[in-house]
Amino acid sequence: MPKNKTHSGISKRVKVTGSGKLRRQQAGLRHRLEVKSSKETRDLSGTVPIAKADVKRVKKLLGR
């Protein structure tokens, strides 16, 4: 049976931590930054865990 291919779109958007957790970047930090407060910009930066409801589906797309 051939290997399954990793979904290239999701692999660019999601990183797997050393312990196997999935993390993603938050949306809303690409444009209109002059309108957003510094606090909002800081809060959007960094990564957040993927929602529990989506973990199974994302892992399948990653081939895990």
C-alpha atoms as a PDB file:
ATOM      1  CA  MET A   1       0.000   0.000   0.000  1.00  0.00           C
ATOM      2  CA  PRO A   2       1.498   3.408  -0.945  1.00  0.00           C
ATOM      3  CA  LYS A   3       2.212   6.056   1.642  1.00  0.00           C
ATOM      4  CA  ASN A   4      -0.298   8.873   2.103  1.00  0.00           C
ATOM      5  CA  LYS A   5       0.818  12.356   1.143  1.00  0.00           C
ATOM      6  CA  THR A   6       0.915  15.117   3.749  1.00  0.00           C
ATOM      7  CA  HIS A   7      -1.532  17.948   2.992  1.00  0.00           C
ATOM      8  CA  SER A   8       0.892  20.701   1.953  1.00  0.00           C
ATOM      9  CA  GLY A   9      -1.523  23.519   2.842  1.00  0.00           C
ATOM     10  CA  ILE A  10      -1.962  22.421   6.440  1.00  0.00           C
ATOM     11  CA  SER A  11       1.728  21.582   6.863  1.00  0.00           C
ATOM     12  CA  LYS A  12       2.571  25.226   6.092  1.00  0.00           C
ATOM     13  CA  ARG A  13       0.069  26.483   8.670  1.00  0.00           C
ATOM     14  CA  VAL A  14       0.532  24.087  11.581  1.00  0.00           C
ATOM     15  CA  LYS A  15       3.631  23.173  13.562  1.00  0.00           C
ATOM     16  CA  VAL A  16       3.967  20.074  15.735  1.00  0.00           C
ATOM     17  CA  THR A  17       5.727  20.555  19.085  1.00  0.00           C
ATOM     18  CA  GLY A  18       8.216  18.102  20.526  1.00  0.00           C
ATOM     19  CA  SER A  19       5.507  16.542  22.681  1.00  0.00           C
ATOM     20  CA  GLY A  20       3.215  16.167  19.645  1.00  0.00           C
ATOM     21  CA  LYS A  21       0.838  19.074  20.276  1.00  0.00           C
ATOM     22  CA  LEU A  22      -0.358  21.163  17.322  1.00  0.00           C
ATOM     23  CA  ARG A  23       0.095  24.929  17.242  1.00  0.00           C
ATOM     24  CA  ARG A  24      -0.999  27.572  14.732  1.00  0.00           C
ATOM     25  CA  GLN A  25      -0.600  31.298  14.135  1.00  0.00           C
ATOM     26  CA  GLN A  26      -3.612  33.499  14.883  1.00  0.00           C
ATOM     27  CA  ALA A  27      -5.345  35.358  12.072  1.00  0.00           C
ATOM     28  CA  GLY A  28      -5.540  39.130  11.757  1.00  0.00           C
ATOM     29  CA  LEU A  29      -1.887  40.172  11.858  1.00  0.00           C
ATOM     30  CA  ARG A  30      -1.251  40.740   8.140  1.00  0.00           C
ATOM     31  CA  HIS A  31      -2.749  44.132   7.309  1.00  0.00           C
ATOM     32  CA  ARG A  32      -4.474  47.223   8.779  1.00  0.00           C
ATOM     33  CA  LEU A  33      -1.972  47.117  11.626  1.00  0.00           C
ATOM     34  CA  GLU A  34      -1.968  50.905  12.028  1.00  0.00           C
ATOM     35  CA  VAL A  35      -5.629  50.689  13.091  1.00  0.00           C
ATOM     36  CA  LYS A  36      -5.043  47.983  15.701  1.00  0.00           C
ATOM     37  CA  SER A  37      -3.799  48.843  19.163  1.00  0.00           C
ATOM     38  CA  SER A  38      -0.370  47.694  20.293  1.00  0.00           C
ATOM     39  CA  LYS A  39      -2.037  45.393  22.816  1.00  0.00           C
ATOM     40  CA  GLU A  40      -4.108  43.761  20.081  1.00  0.00           C
ATOM     41  CA  THR A  41      -1.014  43.273  17.920  1.00  0.00           C
ATOM     42  CA  ARG A  42       0.900  41.721  20.824  1.00  0.00           C
ATOM     43  CA  ASP A  43      -1.993  39.412  21.689  1.00  0.00           C
ATOM     44  CA  LEU A  44      -2.231  38.189  18.079  1.00  0.00           C
ATOM     45  CA  SER A  45       1.495  37.445  17.816  1.00  0.00           C
ATOM     46  CA  GLY A  46       2.855  34.078  18.826  1.00  0.00           C
ATOM     47  CA  THR A  47       1.174  30.720  18.403  1.00  0.00           C
ATOM     48  CA  VAL A  48      -1.917  29.175  19.960  1.00  0.00           C
ATOM     49  CA  PRO A  49      -2.980  25.526  20.285  1.00  0.00           C
ATOM     50  CA  ILE A  50      -5.384  24.136  17.707  1.00  0.00           C
ATOM     51  CA  ALA A  51      -8.972  23.777  18.941  1.00  0.00           C
ATOM     52  CA  LYS A  52      -9.670  20.386  20.506  1.00  0.00           C
ATOM     53  CA  ALA A  53     -12.502  19.738  18.017  1.00  0.00           C
ATOM     54  CA  ASP A  54     -10.096  20.149  15.068  1.00  0.00           C
ATOM     55  CA  VAL A  55      -7.109  18.154  16.343  1.00  0.00           C
ATOM     56  CA  LYS A  56      -8.209  14.776  14.933  1.00  0.00           C
ATOM     57  CA  ARG A  57      -8.873  16.204  11.463  1.00  0.00           C
ATOM     58  CA  VAL A  58      -5.617  18.178  11.346  1.00  0.00           C
ATOM     59  CA  LYS A  59      -3.571  15.181  12.482  1.00  0.00           C
ATOM     60  CA  LYS A  60      -5.112  13.131   9.675  1.00  0.00           C
ATOM     61  CA  LEU A  61      -4.133  15.790   7.126  1.00  0.00           C
ATOM     62  CA  LEU A  62      -0.597  15.793   8.522  1.00  0.00           C
ATOM     63  CA  GLY A  63      -0.405  12.015   8.270  1.00  0.00           C
ATOM     64  CA  ARG A  64      -0.035  11.486  12.040  1.00  0.00           C
END
